[in-house]
Amino acid sequence: MTGHPAIAVIASNTLAGIGLRSILEKAAPTADIELFASFREFEAADTERFYHYFVSAQPVAAHAPFFPAPRPR
């Protein structure tokens, strides 16, 4: 990862995605927040630069191999 930290918001609901992006921009002003309407659109981007994802359950279930399992703390 180079430059600013990047966060991906994957939301098929445009208004919810814009709202979440707005909240994240205020909470983490130095982060690059990118909004994607679908997992396919997200895959077309440089996915390696994102260190955090906000995704609804459906894309996570449909593309489970992409998202690593939570690590024990």
C-alpha atoms as a PDB file:
ATOM      1  CA  MET A   1       0.000   0.000   0.000  1.00  0.00           C
ATOM      2  CA  THR A   2       1.346   3.382  -0.928  1.00  0.00           C
ATOM      3  CA  GLY A   3       0.046   6.850  -0.203  1.00  0.00           C
ATOM      4  CA  HIS A   4      -3.089   7.259   1.838  1.00  0.00           C
ATOM      5  CA  PRO A   5      -4.876   4.269   3.350  1.00  0.00           C
ATOM      6  CA  ALA A   6      -7.772   3.127   1.184  1.00  0.00           C
ATOM      7  CA  ILE A   7     -11.185   1.864   2.274  1.00  0.00           C
ATOM      8  CA  ALA A   8     -13.656   0.206  -0.086  1.00  0.00           C
ATOM      9  CA  VAL A   9     -17.416   0.556   0.318  1.00  0.00           C
ATOM     10  CA  ILE A  10     -19.285  -2.030  -1.758  1.00  0.00           C
ATOM     11  CA  ALA A  11     -22.986  -1.200  -1.718  1.00  0.00           C
ATOM     12  CA  SER A  12     -25.688  -1.902  -4.282  1.00  0.00           C
ATOM     13  CA  ASN A  13     -27.880   0.667  -2.495  1.00  0.00           C
ATOM     14  CA  THR A  14     -26.452   3.935  -3.814  1.00  0.00           C
ATOM     15  CA  LEU A  15     -27.871   6.182  -1.089  1.00  0.00           C
ATOM     16  CA  ALA A  16     -26.634   3.920   1.701  1.00  0.00           C
ATOM     17  CA  GLY A  17     -23.201   3.767   0.070  1.00  0.00           C
ATOM     18  CA  ILE A  18     -22.980   7.542  -0.288  1.00  0.00           C
ATOM     19  CA  GLY A  19     -24.079   7.998   3.316  1.00  0.00           C
ATOM     20  CA  LEU A  20     -21.493   5.536   4.606  1.00  0.00           C
ATOM     21  CA  ARG A  21     -18.773   7.141   2.482  1.00  0.00           C
ATOM     22  CA  SER A  22     -19.687  10.549   3.915  1.00  0.00           C
ATOM     23  CA  ILE A  23     -19.440   9.222   7.489  1.00  0.00           C
ATOM     24  CA  LEU A  24     -16.100   7.555   6.766  1.00  0.00           C
ATOM     25  CA  GLU A  25     -14.680  10.702   5.141  1.00  0.00           C
ATOM     26  CA  LYS A  26     -15.441  12.615   8.350  1.00  0.00           C
ATOM     27  CA  ALA A  27     -14.130   9.844  10.625  1.00  0.00           C
ATOM     28  CA  ALA A  28     -10.950   9.193   8.620  1.00  0.00           C
ATOM     29  CA  PRO A  29     -10.178  12.362   6.628  1.00  0.00           C
ATOM     30  CA  THR A  30      -6.774  11.127   5.455  1.00  0.00           C
ATOM     31  CA  ALA A  31      -8.150   7.881   3.991  1.00  0.00           C
ATOM     32  CA  ASP A  32      -9.188   7.439   0.379  1.00  0.00           C
ATOM     33  CA  ILE A  33     -12.776   6.149   0.425  1.00  0.00           C
ATOM     34  CA  GLU A  34     -14.000   4.510  -2.768  1.00  0.00           C
ATOM     35  CA  LEU A  35     -17.600   3.500  -3.455  1.00  0.00           C
ATOM     36  CA  PHE A  36     -18.408   0.517  -5.663  1.00  0.00           C
ATOM     37  CA  ALA A  37     -21.891  -0.522  -6.785  1.00  0.00           C
ATOM     38  CA  SER A  38     -20.980  -4.208  -7.139  1.00  0.00           C
ATOM     39  CA  PHE A  39     -18.275  -6.725  -6.315  1.00  0.00           C
ATOM     40  CA  ARG A  40     -17.514  -6.988 -10.039  1.00  0.00           C
ATOM     41  CA  GLU A  41     -16.828  -3.247 -10.162  1.00  0.00           C
ATOM     42  CA  PHE A  42     -14.625  -3.581  -7.076  1.00  0.00           C
ATOM     43  CA  GLU A  43     -12.660  -6.455  -8.653  1.00  0.00           C
ATOM     44  CA  ALA A  44     -11.873  -4.255 -11.663  1.00  0.00           C
ATOM     45  CA  ALA A  45     -10.077  -1.807  -9.333  1.00  0.00           C
ATOM     46  CA  ASP A  46      -6.688  -2.375  -7.726  1.00  0.00           C
ATOM     47  CA  THR A  47      -8.030  -4.431  -4.799  1.00  0.00           C
ATOM     48  CA  GLU A  48      -4.611  -4.871  -3.165  1.00  0.00           C
ATOM     49  CA  ARG A  49      -4.517  -1.233  -2.033  1.00  0.00           C
ATOM     50  CA  PHE A  50      -7.593  -1.510   0.215  1.00  0.00           C
ATOM     51  CA  TYR A  51      -6.916  -2.315   3.826  1.00  0.00           C
ATOM     52  CA  HIS A  52     -10.546  -2.334   4.967  1.00  0.00           C
ATOM     53  CA  TYR A  53     -13.900  -3.159   3.361  1.00  0.00           C
ATOM     54  CA  PHE A  54     -17.480  -2.227   4.171  1.00  0.00           C
ATOM     55  CA  VAL A  55     -19.615  -4.818   2.393  1.00  0.00           C
ATOM     56  CA  SER A  56     -23.147  -6.146   2.831  1.00  0.00           C
ATOM     57  CA  ALA A  57     -23.660  -9.825   3.559  1.00  0.00           C
ATOM     58  CA  GLN A  58     -24.675 -10.886   0.037  1.00  0.00           C
ATOM     59  CA  PRO A  59     -21.354 -10.067  -1.714  1.00  0.00           C
ATOM     60  CA  VAL A  60     -19.389 -11.546   1.184  1.00  0.00           C
ATOM     61  CA  ALA A  61     -21.342 -14.807   0.938  1.00  0.00           C
ATOM     62  CA  ALA A  62     -21.116 -14.897  -2.860  1.00  0.00           C
ATOM     63  CA  HIS A  63     -17.372 -14.163  -2.918  1.00  0.00           C
ATOM     64  CA  ALA A  64     -16.263 -15.727   0.373  1.00  0.00           C
ATOM     65  CA  PRO A  65     -12.828 -16.867  -0.891  1.00  0.00           C
ATOM     66  CA  PHE A  66     -11.844 -13.220  -1.447  1.00  0.00           C
ATOM     67  CA  PHE A  67     -12.584 -12.186   2.140  1.00  0.00           C
ATOM     68  CA  PRO A  68     -10.316 -13.822   4.732  1.00  0.00           C
ATOM     69  CA  ALA A  69     -11.812 -15.330   7.850  1.00  0.00           C
ATOM     70  CA  PRO A  70     -11.546 -13.178  10.980  1.00  0.00           C
ATOM     71  CA  ARG A  71      -8.398 -13.778  12.985  1.00  0.00           C
ATOM     72  CA  PRO A  72      -8.607 -14.532  16.700  1.00  0.00           C
ATOM     73  CA  ARG A  73      -7.525 -11.623  18.869  1.00  0.00           C
END
